[in-house]
């Protein structure tokens, strides 16, 4: 009977364990930040792009510098382009927390030339409660146990 197979298996398992530990050390975990990552949703509104937008410039130049707007306002006599940048912190458990939000509004006159620009932040906005009630449909809001008991007649 040979004793080489258990030694060979132990050495192979040890090499696999060492390799997995070495690869685990290559992860992007930052001890200073923990399990929280920061990301940007929407546009990156840079200072250099803001400096390029001046009164009198055309719509085409604004679109070339900032890109297509997230939304526009054409209900009034003047047109407004809105660019929204939101900084979000996300935990390892999937919870999102809005840290900062900036809205760049570029106002145009009747000749589609930049009239003014403004930056609005979280402090400029209003927080309002979103109504989450909805009309229940049959079977949707019942638990599994309630459905079983309901099918039996209880």
N, C-alpha and C. Protein backbone atom coordinates (compact mmCIF):
# COMPACT_ATOMS: atom_id res chain seq x y z
N UNK A 1 0.84 -1.17 0.00
CA UNK A 1 0.00 0.00 0.00
C UNK A 1 0.88 1.23 0.00
N UNK A 2 0.60 2.18 -0.84
CA UNK A 2 1.42 3.36 -0.98
C UNK A 2 0.83 4.51 -0.17
N UNK A 3 1.70 5.31 0.43
CA UNK A 3 1.27 6.47 1.22
C UNK A 3 1.43 7.77 0.43
N UNK A 4 1.72 7.66 -0.84
CA UNK A 4 1.94 8.85 -1.66
C UNK A 4 0.66 9.60 -1.96
N UNK A 5 -0.46 8.91 -2.14
CA UNK A 5 -1.70 9.58 -2.52
C UNK A 5 -2.17 10.56 -1.44
N UNK A 6 -2.22 10.22 -0.15
CA UNK A 6 -2.66 11.20 0.84
C UNK A 6 -1.69 12.40 0.93
N UNK A 7 -0.39 12.19 0.78
CA UNK A 7 0.56 13.29 0.83
C UNK A 7 0.37 14.19 -0.39
N UNK A 8 0.17 13.57 -1.55
CA UNK A 8 -0.03 14.33 -2.78
C UNK A 8 -1.31 15.17 -2.68
N UNK A 9 -2.38 14.58 -2.14
CA UNK A 9 -3.64 15.31 -1.97
C UNK A 9 -3.48 16.46 -0.99
N UNK A 10 -2.77 16.26 0.09
CA UNK A 10 -2.55 17.31 1.09
C UNK A 10 -1.75 18.46 0.49
N UNK A 11 -0.73 18.12 -0.31
CA UNK A 11 0.07 19.16 -0.94
C UNK A 11 -0.76 19.94 -1.96
N UNK A 12 -1.60 19.23 -2.70
CA UNK A 12 -2.45 19.89 -3.68
C UNK A 12 -3.48 20.79 -3.00
N UNK A 13 -4.06 20.33 -1.92
CA UNK A 13 -5.02 21.15 -1.18
C UNK A 13 -4.34 22.36 -0.55
N UNK A 14 -3.13 22.19 -0.06
CA UNK A 14 -2.39 23.31 0.51
C UNK A 14 -2.05 24.36 -0.54
N UNK A 15 -1.68 23.90 -1.74
CA UNK A 15 -1.38 24.84 -2.82
C UNK A 15 -2.64 25.58 -3.25
N UNK A 16 -3.78 24.88 -3.31
CA UNK A 16 -5.05 25.53 -3.66
C UNK A 16 -5.46 26.56 -2.61
N UNK A 17 -5.25 26.24 -1.34
CA UNK A 17 -5.57 27.17 -0.26
C UNK A 17 -4.68 28.40 -0.33
N UNK A 18 -3.39 28.20 -0.59
CA UNK A 18 -2.46 29.33 -0.70
C UNK A 18 -2.82 30.22 -1.89
N UNK A 19 -3.22 29.62 -2.99
CA UNK A 19 -3.62 30.38 -4.17
C UNK A 19 -4.89 31.19 -3.90
N UNK A 20 -5.85 30.57 -3.22
CA UNK A 20 -7.09 31.29 -2.93
C UNK A 20 -6.85 32.43 -1.95
N UNK A 21 -5.97 32.27 -0.99
CA UNK A 21 -5.64 33.36 -0.07
C UNK A 21 -4.92 34.49 -0.79
N UNK A 22 -4.05 34.14 -1.72
CA UNK A 22 -3.34 35.16 -2.49
C UNK A 22 -4.31 35.95 -3.36
N UNK A 23 -5.27 35.28 -3.98
CA UNK A 23 -6.25 35.98 -4.80
C UNK A 23 -7.20 36.82 -3.96
N UNK A 24 -7.51 36.37 -2.75
CA UNK A 24 -8.38 37.14 -1.87
C UNK A 24 -7.69 38.44 -1.45
N UNK A 25 -6.39 38.44 -1.37
CA UNK A 25 -5.64 39.65 -1.04
C UNK A 25 -5.66 40.67 -2.16
N UNK A 26 -6.06 40.27 -3.34
CA UNK A 26 -6.13 41.20 -4.48
C UNK A 26 -7.47 41.90 -4.58
N UNK A 27 -8.36 41.70 -3.64
CA UNK A 27 -9.68 42.33 -3.72
C UNK A 27 -9.56 43.83 -3.50
N UNK A 28 -10.63 44.53 -3.81
CA UNK A 28 -10.61 45.99 -3.74
C UNK A 28 -11.12 46.51 -2.40
N UNK A 29 -11.05 45.77 -1.35
CA UNK A 29 -11.50 46.22 -0.04
C UNK A 29 -10.55 47.27 0.48
N UNK A 30 -11.08 48.42 0.85
CA UNK A 30 -10.29 49.52 1.39
C UNK A 30 -10.63 49.64 2.87
N UNK A 31 -9.68 49.34 3.78
CA UNK A 31 -10.01 49.37 5.20
C UNK A 31 -10.42 50.75 5.69
N UNK A 32 -9.98 51.79 5.01
CA UNK A 32 -10.36 53.13 5.42
C UNK A 32 -11.81 53.44 5.10
N UNK A 33 -12.37 52.79 4.10
CA UNK A 33 -13.73 53.07 3.67
C UNK A 33 -14.71 52.00 4.11
N UNK A 34 -14.26 50.88 4.55
CA UNK A 34 -15.16 49.82 4.97
C UNK A 34 -15.89 49.22 3.80
N UNK A 35 -17.18 49.04 3.99
CA UNK A 35 -18.00 48.42 2.97
C UNK A 35 -18.88 49.44 2.24
N UNK A 36 -18.40 50.66 2.10
CA UNK A 36 -19.17 51.72 1.46
C UNK A 36 -18.44 52.19 0.22
N UNK A 37 -19.15 52.26 -0.90
CA UNK A 37 -18.56 52.79 -2.12
C UNK A 37 -19.37 54.00 -2.57
N UNK A 38 -18.69 54.95 -3.20
CA UNK A 38 -19.34 56.16 -3.69
C UNK A 38 -19.35 56.13 -5.21
N UNK A 39 -20.49 56.47 -5.79
CA UNK A 39 -20.59 56.51 -7.24
C UNK A 39 -21.44 57.70 -7.64
N UNK A 40 -21.34 58.06 -8.90
CA UNK A 40 -22.08 59.19 -9.43
C UNK A 40 -23.16 58.69 -10.37
N UNK A 41 -24.38 59.17 -10.17
CA UNK A 41 -25.48 58.88 -11.07
C UNK A 41 -25.75 60.14 -11.89
N UNK A 42 -26.01 59.98 -13.15
CA UNK A 42 -26.30 61.12 -14.00
C UNK A 42 -25.04 61.69 -14.62
N UNK A 43 -24.95 62.99 -14.67
CA UNK A 43 -23.84 63.67 -15.32
C UNK A 43 -22.74 64.01 -14.33
N UNK A 44 -21.51 64.04 -14.82
CA UNK A 44 -20.38 64.58 -14.06
C UNK A 44 -20.25 66.04 -14.47
N UNK A 45 -20.64 66.95 -13.62
CA UNK A 45 -20.59 68.37 -13.93
C UNK A 45 -19.25 68.90 -13.44
N UNK A 46 -18.31 69.05 -14.36
CA UNK A 46 -16.97 69.50 -13.99
C UNK A 46 -16.87 71.02 -14.03
N UNK A 47 -15.92 71.56 -13.27
CA UNK A 47 -15.71 73.00 -13.25
C UNK A 47 -15.25 73.52 -14.61
N UNK A 48 -14.44 72.73 -15.31
CA UNK A 48 -13.96 73.18 -16.63
C UNK A 48 -15.12 73.28 -17.63
N UNK A 49 -16.07 72.37 -17.55
CA UNK A 49 -17.23 72.44 -18.44
C UNK A 49 -18.10 73.65 -18.09
N UNK A 50 -18.24 73.93 -16.79
CA UNK A 50 -19.03 75.09 -16.38
C UNK A 50 -18.42 76.40 -16.86
N UNK A 51 -17.10 76.47 -16.86
CA UNK A 51 -16.43 77.69 -17.31
C UNK A 51 -16.61 77.92 -18.80
N UNK A 52 -16.84 76.86 -19.56
CA UNK A 52 -17.01 76.99 -21.00
C UNK A 52 -18.40 77.50 -21.38
N UNK A 53 -19.36 77.40 -20.48
CA UNK A 53 -20.73 77.83 -20.77
C UNK A 53 -20.86 79.29 -20.32
N UNK A 54 -20.99 80.20 -21.30
CA UNK A 54 -21.09 81.63 -21.03
C UNK A 54 -22.29 82.20 -21.79
N UNK A 55 -22.81 83.33 -21.32
CA UNK A 55 -23.94 83.96 -22.02
C UNK A 55 -23.60 84.27 -23.48
N UNK A 56 -24.57 84.04 -24.35
CA UNK A 56 -24.41 84.31 -25.78
C UNK A 56 -24.04 83.10 -26.60
N UNK A 57 -23.70 81.98 -25.97
CA UNK A 57 -23.30 80.80 -26.72
C UNK A 57 -24.54 80.04 -27.22
N UNK A 58 -24.35 79.27 -28.28
CA UNK A 58 -25.47 78.57 -28.92
C UNK A 58 -25.82 77.27 -28.19
N UNK A 59 -27.00 76.76 -28.52
CA UNK A 59 -27.46 75.48 -27.97
C UNK A 59 -26.52 74.36 -28.40
N UNK A 60 -26.07 74.41 -29.66
CA UNK A 60 -25.18 73.36 -30.17
C UNK A 60 -23.88 73.29 -29.39
N UNK A 61 -23.34 74.44 -28.99
CA UNK A 61 -22.09 74.44 -28.22
C UNK A 61 -22.31 73.86 -26.82
N UNK A 62 -23.45 74.19 -26.22
CA UNK A 62 -23.76 73.64 -24.89
C UNK A 62 -23.89 72.13 -24.96
N UNK A 63 -24.56 71.63 -26.00
CA UNK A 63 -24.71 70.18 -26.16
C UNK A 63 -23.36 69.53 -26.45
N UNK A 64 -22.47 70.22 -27.18
CA UNK A 64 -21.15 69.68 -27.46
C UNK A 64 -20.30 69.60 -26.19
N UNK A 65 -20.45 70.57 -25.29
CA UNK A 65 -19.64 70.60 -24.06
C UNK A 65 -20.22 69.68 -22.99
N UNK A 66 -21.52 69.77 -22.75
CA UNK A 66 -22.14 69.05 -21.64
C UNK A 66 -22.85 67.76 -22.06
N UNK A 67 -23.17 67.62 -23.33
CA UNK A 67 -23.93 66.47 -23.79
C UNK A 67 -25.40 66.80 -23.81
N UNK A 68 -26.21 65.83 -24.16
CA UNK A 68 -27.66 66.03 -24.19
C UNK A 68 -28.17 66.21 -22.77
N UNK A 69 -29.12 67.11 -22.57
CA UNK A 69 -29.63 67.33 -21.22
C UNK A 69 -30.48 66.16 -20.74
N UNK A 70 -30.57 66.02 -19.42
CA UNK A 70 -31.39 64.97 -18.83
C UNK A 70 -32.86 65.28 -19.08
N UNK A 71 -33.21 66.55 -18.98
CA UNK A 71 -34.57 66.97 -19.26
C UNK A 71 -34.55 68.42 -19.70
N UNK A 72 -35.62 68.86 -20.34
CA UNK A 72 -35.72 70.25 -20.79
C UNK A 72 -37.06 70.82 -20.36
N UNK A 73 -37.12 72.14 -20.33
CA UNK A 73 -38.34 72.84 -20.03
C UNK A 73 -38.66 73.75 -21.20
N UNK A 74 -39.74 73.50 -21.87
CA UNK A 74 -40.13 74.35 -22.99
C UNK A 74 -41.55 74.87 -22.79
N UNK A 75 -42.05 74.88 -21.56
CA UNK A 75 -43.40 75.35 -21.29
C UNK A 75 -43.49 76.86 -21.30
N UNK A 76 -42.41 77.52 -20.98
CA UNK A 76 -42.39 78.98 -20.95
C UNK A 76 -41.82 79.49 -22.26
N UNK A 77 -41.62 80.80 -22.34
CA UNK A 77 -41.06 81.39 -23.55
C UNK A 77 -39.60 81.00 -23.75
N UNK A 78 -38.88 80.78 -22.66
CA UNK A 78 -37.49 80.41 -22.78
C UNK A 78 -37.31 78.91 -22.58
N UNK A 79 -36.25 78.40 -23.15
CA UNK A 79 -35.95 76.98 -23.02
C UNK A 79 -34.89 76.81 -21.94
N UNK A 80 -35.01 75.73 -21.15
CA UNK A 80 -34.06 75.45 -20.08
C UNK A 80 -33.60 74.01 -20.23
N UNK A 81 -32.27 73.79 -20.18
CA UNK A 81 -31.70 72.45 -20.16
C UNK A 81 -31.30 72.14 -18.72
N UNK A 82 -31.61 70.92 -18.26
CA UNK A 82 -31.26 70.51 -16.90
C UNK A 82 -30.30 69.33 -16.96
N UNK A 83 -29.21 69.44 -16.21
CA UNK A 83 -28.22 68.38 -16.05
C UNK A 83 -28.15 68.05 -14.56
N UNK A 84 -28.38 66.79 -14.20
CA UNK A 84 -28.45 66.39 -12.80
C UNK A 84 -27.28 65.46 -12.47
N UNK A 85 -26.56 65.80 -11.39
CA UNK A 85 -25.46 64.97 -10.89
C UNK A 85 -25.80 64.56 -9.46
N UNK A 86 -25.81 63.27 -9.18
CA UNK A 86 -26.14 62.77 -7.86
C UNK A 86 -25.00 61.89 -7.36
N UNK A 87 -24.46 62.22 -6.19
CA UNK A 87 -23.43 61.41 -5.54
C UNK A 87 -24.14 60.48 -4.56
N UNK A 88 -23.95 59.17 -4.76
CA UNK A 88 -24.62 58.16 -3.96
C UNK A 88 -23.59 57.30 -3.27
N UNK A 89 -23.80 57.06 -1.97
CA UNK A 89 -22.99 56.08 -1.25
C UNK A 89 -23.79 54.80 -1.14
N UNK A 90 -23.15 53.68 -1.53
CA UNK A 90 -23.82 52.39 -1.50
C UNK A 90 -23.08 51.47 -0.55
N UNK A 91 -23.81 50.85 0.36
CA UNK A 91 -23.19 49.92 1.30
C UNK A 91 -23.09 48.54 0.65
N UNK A 92 -22.34 47.67 1.28
CA UNK A 92 -22.18 46.31 0.77
C UNK A 92 -23.50 45.54 0.82
N UNK A 93 -24.46 46.06 1.60
CA UNK A 93 -25.74 45.38 1.73
C UNK A 93 -26.80 45.93 0.78
N UNK A 94 -26.39 46.83 -0.13
CA UNK A 94 -27.30 47.33 -1.15
C UNK A 94 -28.10 48.56 -0.75
N UNK A 95 -27.79 49.20 0.38
CA UNK A 95 -28.50 50.40 0.79
C UNK A 95 -27.87 51.61 0.11
N UNK A 96 -28.68 52.45 -0.51
CA UNK A 96 -28.21 53.65 -1.18
C UNK A 96 -28.55 54.87 -0.34
N UNK A 97 -27.58 55.79 -0.21
CA UNK A 97 -27.79 57.04 0.51
C UNK A 97 -27.32 58.17 -0.39
N UNK A 98 -28.19 59.13 -0.67
CA UNK A 98 -27.82 60.27 -1.49
C UNK A 98 -26.99 61.22 -0.63
N UNK A 99 -25.76 61.48 -1.05
CA UNK A 99 -24.87 62.37 -0.32
C UNK A 99 -24.94 63.80 -0.83
N UNK A 100 -25.05 63.97 -2.13
CA UNK A 100 -25.06 65.30 -2.71
C UNK A 100 -25.78 65.24 -4.05
N UNK A 101 -26.46 66.32 -4.37
CA UNK A 101 -27.12 66.41 -5.67
C UNK A 101 -26.96 67.84 -6.18
N UNK A 102 -26.53 67.94 -7.43
CA UNK A 102 -26.41 69.23 -8.09
C UNK A 102 -27.24 69.20 -9.36
N UNK A 103 -27.96 70.28 -9.60
CA UNK A 103 -28.72 70.43 -10.83
C UNK A 103 -28.21 71.68 -11.52
N UNK A 104 -27.68 71.50 -12.72
CA UNK A 104 -27.24 72.62 -13.54
C UNK A 104 -28.37 72.97 -14.49
N UNK A 105 -28.83 74.22 -14.40
CA UNK A 105 -29.88 74.71 -15.30
C UNK A 105 -29.26 75.73 -16.23
N UNK A 106 -29.37 75.51 -17.53
CA UNK A 106 -28.86 76.43 -18.54
C UNK A 106 -30.08 77.05 -19.22
N UNK A 107 -30.22 78.37 -19.08
CA UNK A 107 -31.36 79.10 -19.61
C UNK A 107 -31.01 79.70 -20.97
N UNK A 108 -31.93 79.57 -21.93
CA UNK A 108 -31.74 80.09 -23.28
C UNK A 108 -32.79 81.15 -23.57
N UNK A 109 -32.43 82.13 -24.42
CA UNK A 109 -33.38 83.16 -24.83
C UNK A 109 -34.13 82.71 -26.09
N UNK A 110 -34.86 83.64 -26.71
CA UNK A 110 -35.67 83.31 -27.88
C UNK A 110 -34.83 82.90 -29.09
N UNK A 111 -33.57 83.38 -29.17
CA UNK A 111 -32.69 83.03 -30.29
C UNK A 111 -31.84 81.79 -30.01
N UNK A 112 -32.20 81.04 -28.99
CA UNK A 112 -31.46 79.84 -28.58
C UNK A 112 -30.00 80.14 -28.25
N UNK A 113 -29.79 81.23 -27.54
CA UNK A 113 -28.48 81.61 -27.02
C UNK A 113 -28.53 81.54 -25.51
N UNK A 114 -27.39 81.17 -24.89
CA UNK A 114 -27.35 81.06 -23.43
C UNK A 114 -27.65 82.42 -22.82
N UNK A 115 -28.65 82.44 -21.96
CA UNK A 115 -29.02 83.66 -21.26
C UNK A 115 -28.41 83.68 -19.87
N UNK A 116 -28.43 82.53 -19.20
CA UNK A 116 -27.91 82.43 -17.83
C UNK A 116 -27.74 80.96 -17.49
N UNK A 117 -27.03 80.71 -16.41
CA UNK A 117 -26.91 79.35 -15.88
C UNK A 117 -26.99 79.43 -14.37
N UNK A 118 -27.43 78.36 -13.75
CA UNK A 118 -27.56 78.31 -12.29
C UNK A 118 -27.32 76.89 -11.83
N UNK A 119 -26.75 76.77 -10.63
CA UNK A 119 -26.53 75.46 -10.02
C UNK A 119 -27.36 75.39 -8.75
N UNK A 120 -28.18 74.36 -8.66
CA UNK A 120 -29.02 74.15 -7.50
C UNK A 120 -28.56 72.89 -6.78
N UNK A 121 -28.60 72.93 -5.45
CA UNK A 121 -28.18 71.79 -4.64
C UNK A 121 -29.34 71.23 -3.84
N UNK A 122 -29.03 70.30 -2.94
CA UNK A 122 -30.06 69.70 -2.09
C UNK A 122 -30.72 70.75 -1.21
N UNK A 123 -29.96 71.75 -0.78
CA UNK A 123 -30.50 72.78 0.09
C UNK A 123 -31.51 73.67 -0.63
N UNK A 124 -31.49 73.69 -1.95
CA UNK A 124 -32.42 74.52 -2.72
C UNK A 124 -33.73 73.82 -3.02
N UNK A 125 -33.76 72.52 -2.85
CA UNK A 125 -34.95 71.76 -3.20
C UNK A 125 -35.89 71.58 -2.03
N UNK A 126 -37.04 71.01 -2.31
CA UNK A 126 -38.01 70.68 -1.29
C UNK A 126 -38.10 69.17 -1.16
N UNK A 127 -38.14 68.69 0.07
CA UNK A 127 -38.33 67.27 0.31
C UNK A 127 -39.83 67.04 0.47
N UNK A 128 -40.37 66.09 -0.28
CA UNK A 128 -41.79 65.81 -0.18
C UNK A 128 -41.99 64.31 -0.08
N UNK A 129 -43.08 63.95 0.55
CA UNK A 129 -43.41 62.55 0.78
C UNK A 129 -44.06 61.97 -0.47
N UNK A 130 -43.58 60.85 -0.92
CA UNK A 130 -44.16 60.18 -2.08
C UNK A 130 -45.21 59.20 -1.58
N UNK A 131 -46.39 59.30 -2.15
CA UNK A 131 -47.48 58.43 -1.75
C UNK A 131 -47.22 57.03 -2.29
N UNK A 132 -47.21 56.04 -1.41
CA UNK A 132 -46.88 54.68 -1.83
C UNK A 132 -48.08 53.74 -1.77
N UNK A 133 -49.25 54.28 -1.48
CA UNK A 133 -50.43 53.40 -1.45
C UNK A 133 -50.77 52.94 -2.86
N UNK A 134 -51.33 51.76 -2.95
CA UNK A 134 -51.75 51.24 -4.24
C UNK A 134 -52.97 50.37 -4.03
N UNK A 135 -53.68 50.17 -5.08
CA UNK A 135 -54.87 49.34 -5.02
C UNK A 135 -54.44 47.88 -5.03
N UNK A 136 -54.81 47.11 -3.99
CA UNK A 136 -54.39 45.70 -3.97
C UNK A 136 -55.16 44.89 -5.01
N UNK A 137 -54.47 43.94 -5.61
CA UNK A 137 -55.12 43.02 -6.53
C UNK A 137 -55.26 41.67 -5.85
N UNK A 138 -56.15 40.87 -6.39
CA UNK A 138 -56.46 39.60 -5.76
C UNK A 138 -55.22 38.71 -5.72
N UNK A 139 -54.90 38.21 -4.53
CA UNK A 139 -53.81 37.27 -4.37
C UNK A 139 -52.43 37.89 -4.28
N UNK A 140 -52.32 39.17 -4.59
CA UNK A 140 -50.98 39.77 -4.63
C UNK A 140 -50.44 40.07 -3.23
N UNK A 141 -51.30 40.56 -2.33
CA UNK A 141 -50.83 40.95 -1.02
C UNK A 141 -51.00 39.87 0.04
N UNK A 142 -51.39 38.69 -0.35
CA UNK A 142 -51.57 37.61 0.61
C UNK A 142 -50.31 36.77 0.68
N UNK A 143 -49.99 36.32 1.87
CA UNK A 143 -48.83 35.45 2.05
C UNK A 143 -49.16 34.05 1.55
N UNK A 144 -48.14 33.23 1.49
CA UNK A 144 -48.31 31.85 1.02
C UNK A 144 -49.27 31.09 1.94
N UNK A 145 -49.12 31.26 3.24
CA UNK A 145 -49.98 30.57 4.23
C UNK A 145 -51.41 31.07 4.09
N UNK A 146 -51.59 32.39 3.89
CA UNK A 146 -52.94 32.92 3.72
C UNK A 146 -53.60 32.37 2.46
N UNK A 147 -52.82 32.18 1.41
CA UNK A 147 -53.38 31.63 0.18
C UNK A 147 -53.80 30.17 0.37
N UNK A 148 -52.98 29.40 1.09
CA UNK A 148 -53.33 27.99 1.34
C UNK A 148 -54.58 27.90 2.20
N UNK A 149 -54.63 28.71 3.27
CA UNK A 149 -55.80 28.68 4.13
C UNK A 149 -57.03 29.19 3.40
N UNK A 150 -56.88 30.16 2.51
CA UNK A 150 -58.00 30.66 1.73
C UNK A 150 -58.52 29.66 0.74
N UNK A 151 -57.65 28.81 0.20
CA UNK A 151 -58.10 27.80 -0.77
C UNK A 151 -58.84 26.66 -0.08
N UNK A 152 -58.57 26.45 1.21
CA UNK A 152 -59.26 25.41 1.96
C UNK A 152 -60.60 25.93 2.45
N UNK A 153 -60.73 27.26 2.53
CA UNK A 153 -62.00 27.84 2.97
C UNK A 153 -61.92 28.43 4.36
N UNK A 154 -60.74 28.58 4.89
CA UNK A 154 -60.62 29.17 6.23
C UNK A 154 -60.37 30.64 6.16
